[in-house]
């Protein structure tokens, strides 16, 4: 839900040529992700989940956001990580390290892997 990757939509070259459009899609995905993360973290707080349960939930949710793992999307991922860090601390009293935040994301992808030569 809400996931966008150039390889799935077939417009990878267009995305590379039109950075503004790609950035807008990544920004939309960021807002969508935050919209899904808010209730996920809220549910973890209600159920009094520990750090590992919260991280597992976040990991599962973020698997549909592979396009936000590209190098170009780092600023968006950084914003999402800040949101997660703030909300987890506020609602769950769970503090996530940078390493833990990195672990909840799918592996980083290279745009060049989407290009067919």
C-alpha atoms as a PDB file:
ATOM      1  CA  UNK A   1       0.000   0.000   0.000  1.00  0.00           C
ATOM      2  CA  UNK A   2       1.437   3.353  -1.013  1.00  0.00           C
ATOM      3  CA  UNK A   3       4.605   1.876  -2.408  1.00  0.00           C
ATOM      4  CA  UNK A   4       6.268   3.223  -5.528  1.00  0.00           C
ATOM      5  CA  UNK A   5       9.329   1.921  -7.261  1.00  0.00           C
ATOM      6  CA  UNK A   6      10.497   2.846 -10.702  1.00  0.00           C
ATOM      7  CA  UNK A   7      10.946  -0.795 -11.646  1.00  0.00           C
ATOM      8  CA  UNK A   8       7.339  -1.618 -10.770  1.00  0.00           C
ATOM      9  CA  UNK A   9       5.839   1.229 -12.757  1.00  0.00           C
ATOM     10  CA  UNK A  10       8.159   0.990 -15.730  1.00  0.00           C
ATOM     11  CA  UNK A  11       9.055   4.687 -15.757  1.00  0.00           C
ATOM     12  CA  UNK A  12      12.578   4.420 -14.388  1.00  0.00           C
ATOM     13  CA  UNK A  13      14.181   6.437 -17.184  1.00  0.00           C
ATOM     14  CA  UNK A  14      11.505   9.101 -16.911  1.00  0.00           C
ATOM     15  CA  UNK A  15      12.093   9.226 -13.173  1.00  0.00           C
ATOM     16  CA  UNK A  16      15.823   9.695 -13.684  1.00  0.00           C
ATOM     17  CA  UNK A  17      15.269  12.450 -16.263  1.00  0.00           C
ATOM     18  CA  UNK A  18      12.677  14.285 -14.256  1.00  0.00           C
ATOM     19  CA  UNK A  19      14.055  14.578 -10.728  1.00  0.00           C
ATOM     20  CA  UNK A  20      11.350  16.988  -9.596  1.00  0.00           C
ATOM     21  CA  UNK A  21       8.635  14.504 -10.412  1.00  0.00           C
ATOM     22  CA  UNK A  22      10.536  11.715  -8.681  1.00  0.00           C
ATOM     23  CA  UNK A  23      11.084  13.902  -5.617  1.00  0.00           C
ATOM     24  CA  UNK A  24       7.359  14.646  -5.500  1.00  0.00           C
ATOM     25  CA  UNK A  25       6.590  10.919  -5.534  1.00  0.00           C
ATOM     26  CA  UNK A  26       9.109  10.340  -2.757  1.00  0.00           C
ATOM     27  CA  UNK A  27       7.589  13.200  -0.753  1.00  0.00           C
ATOM     28  CA  UNK A  28       4.116  11.710  -1.213  1.00  0.00           C
ATOM     29  CA  UNK A  29       5.445   8.342  -0.088  1.00  0.00           C
ATOM     30  CA  UNK A  30       6.987   9.965   2.963  1.00  0.00           C
ATOM     31  CA  UNK A  31       3.624  11.416   3.981  1.00  0.00           C
ATOM     32  CA  UNK A  32       1.926   8.079   3.296  1.00  0.00           C
ATOM     33  CA  UNK A  33       4.523   6.215   5.353  1.00  0.00           C
ATOM     34  CA  UNK A  34       4.149   8.624   8.263  1.00  0.00           C
ATOM     35  CA  UNK A  35       0.380   8.227   8.016  1.00  0.00           C
ATOM     36  CA  UNK A  36       0.811   4.460   8.396  1.00  0.00           C
ATOM     37  CA  UNK A  37       3.536   4.681  11.042  1.00  0.00           C
ATOM     38  CA  UNK A  38       1.497   6.860  13.391  1.00  0.00           C
ATOM     39  CA  UNK A  39      -1.166   4.187  14.119  1.00  0.00           C
ATOM     40  CA  UNK A  40       1.468   1.439  14.095  1.00  0.00           C
ATOM     41  CA  UNK A  41       3.401   3.153  16.881  1.00  0.00           C
ATOM     42  CA  UNK A  42       0.157   4.053  18.648  1.00  0.00           C
ATOM     43  CA  UNK A  43      -0.929   0.406  18.635  1.00  0.00           C
ATOM     44  CA  UNK A  44       2.461  -0.643  19.996  1.00  0.00           C
ATOM     45  CA  UNK A  45       1.984   1.860  22.819  1.00  0.00           C
ATOM     46  CA  UNK A  46      -1.513   0.571  23.598  1.00  0.00           C
ATOM     47  CA  UNK A  47      -0.305  -3.024  23.637  1.00  0.00           C
ATOM     48  CA  UNK A  48       2.783  -2.022  25.629  1.00  0.00           C
ATOM     49  CA  UNK A  49       5.097  -3.670  23.126  1.00  0.00           C
ATOM     50  CA  UNK A  50       8.792  -3.777  23.854  1.00  0.00           C
ATOM     51  CA  UNK A  51      11.511  -2.541  21.545  1.00  0.00           C
ATOM     52  CA  UNK A  52      11.816  -5.787  19.551  1.00  0.00           C
ATOM     53  CA  UNK A  53       8.075  -6.042  18.903  1.00  0.00           C
ATOM     54  CA  UNK A  54       7.955  -2.400  17.839  1.00  0.00           C
ATOM     55  CA  UNK A  55      10.944  -2.854  15.542  1.00  0.00           C
ATOM     56  CA  UNK A  56       9.351  -5.951  13.986  1.00  0.00           C
ATOM     57  CA  UNK A  57       6.130  -4.001  13.295  1.00  0.00           C
ATOM     58  CA  UNK A  58       8.056  -1.094  11.814  1.00  0.00           C
ATOM     59  CA  UNK A  59      10.170  -3.456   9.708  1.00  0.00           C
ATOM     60  CA  UNK A  60       7.070  -5.136   8.277  1.00  0.00           C
ATOM     61  CA  UNK A  61       5.428  -1.816   7.487  1.00  0.00           C
ATOM     62  CA  UNK A  62       8.505  -0.319   5.802  1.00  0.00           C
ATOM     63  CA  UNK A  63       9.024  -3.307   3.489  1.00  0.00           C
ATOM     64  CA  UNK A  64       6.497  -1.759   1.101  1.00  0.00           C
ATOM     65  CA  UNK A  65       8.600   1.405   0.817  1.00  0.00           C
ATOM     66  CA  UNK A  66      11.611   0.075  -1.087  1.00  0.00           C
ATOM     67  CA  UNK A  67      11.815   3.172  -3.287  1.00  0.00           C
ATOM     68  CA  UNK A  68      12.663   5.193  -0.178  1.00  0.00           C
ATOM     69  CA  UNK A  69      15.830   3.124   0.254  1.00  0.00           C
ATOM     70  CA  UNK A  70      17.636   4.642  -2.727  1.00  0.00           C
ATOM     71  CA  UNK A  71      20.524   7.013  -2.190  1.00  0.00           C
ATOM     72  CA  UNK A  72      18.438   9.852  -3.609  1.00  0.00           C
ATOM     73  CA  UNK A  73      15.725   9.239  -1.008  1.00  0.00           C
ATOM     74  CA  UNK A  74      18.011   9.526   2.026  1.00  0.00           C
ATOM     75  CA  UNK A  75      16.588  12.909   3.119  1.00  0.00           C
ATOM     76  CA  UNK A  76      13.082  11.418   3.122  1.00  0.00           C
ATOM     77  CA  UNK A  77      14.223   8.332   5.021  1.00  0.00           C
ATOM     78  CA  UNK A  78      15.985  10.628   7.502  1.00  0.00           C
ATOM     79  CA  UNK A  79      12.711  12.526   8.061  1.00  0.00           C
ATOM     80  CA  UNK A  80      10.810   9.269   8.564  1.00  0.00           C
ATOM     81  CA  UNK A  81      13.460   8.026  11.001  1.00  0.00           C
ATOM     82  CA  UNK A  82      13.172  11.274  12.969  1.00  0.00           C
ATOM     83  CA  UNK A  83       9.409  10.813  13.126  1.00  0.00           C
ATOM     84  CA  UNK A  84       9.763   7.191  14.290  1.00  0.00           C
ATOM     85  CA  UNK A  85      12.375   8.135  16.878  1.00  0.00           C
ATOM     86  CA  UNK A  86      10.250  10.970  18.275  1.00  0.00           C
ATOM     87  CA  UNK A  87       6.963   9.031  18.326  1.00  0.00           C
ATOM     88  CA  UNK A  88       8.483   5.854  19.783  1.00  0.00           C
ATOM     89  CA  UNK A  89      10.071   7.864  22.586  1.00  0.00           C
ATOM     90  CA  UNK A  90       6.922   9.914  23.233  1.00  0.00           C
ATOM     91  CA  UNK A  91       4.305   7.154  23.121  1.00  0.00           C
ATOM     92  CA  UNK A  92       6.219   3.969  23.933  1.00  0.00           C
ATOM     93  CA  UNK A  93       9.152   5.281  25.988  1.00  0.00           C
ATOM     94  CA  UNK A  94      11.365   3.375  23.543  1.00  0.00           C
ATOM     95  CA  UNK A  95      14.561   4.956  22.304  1.00  0.00           C
ATOM     96  CA  UNK A  96      15.895   3.652  19.001  1.00  0.00           C
ATOM     97  CA  UNK A  97      19.529   4.072  17.994  1.00  0.00           C
ATOM     98  CA  UNK A  98      20.611   5.007  14.474  1.00  0.00           C
ATOM     99  CA  UNK A  99      21.672   1.403  13.966  1.00  0.00           C
ATOM    100  CA  UNK A 100      18.250   0.125  15.053  1.00  0.00           C
ATOM    101  CA  UNK A 101      16.517   2.614  12.774  1.00  0.00           C
ATOM    102  CA  UNK A 102      18.669   1.445   9.854  1.00  0.00           C
ATOM    103  CA  UNK A 103      17.765  -2.173  10.614  1.00  0.00           C
ATOM    104  CA  UNK A 104      14.022  -1.609  10.113  1.00  0.00           C
ATOM    105  CA  UNK A 105      14.456  -0.558   6.459  1.00  0.00           C
ATOM    106  CA  UNK A 106      14.790  -2.857   3.453  1.00  0.00           C
ATOM    107  CA  UNK A 107      18.343  -2.932   2.035  1.00  0.00           C
ATOM    108  CA  UNK A 108      19.353   0.183   0.126  1.00  0.00           C
ATOM    109  CA  UNK A 109      18.823  -0.091  -3.620  1.00  0.00           C
ATOM    110  CA  UNK A 110      20.805   1.495  -6.403  1.00  0.00           C
ATOM    111  CA  UNK A 111      18.900   3.250  -9.179  1.00  0.00           C
ATOM    112  CA  UNK A 112      21.316   1.699 -11.666  1.00  0.00           C
ATOM    113  CA  UNK A 113      19.855  -1.708 -10.810  1.00  0.00           C
ATOM    114  CA  UNK A 114      16.557  -0.541 -12.319  1.00  0.00           C
ATOM    115  CA  UNK A 115      18.065   0.463 -15.653  1.00  0.00           C
ATOM    116  CA  UNK A 116      18.098  -2.109 -18.433  1.00  0.00           C
ATOM    117  CA  UNK A 117      21.064  -1.781 -20.740  1.00  0.00           C
END
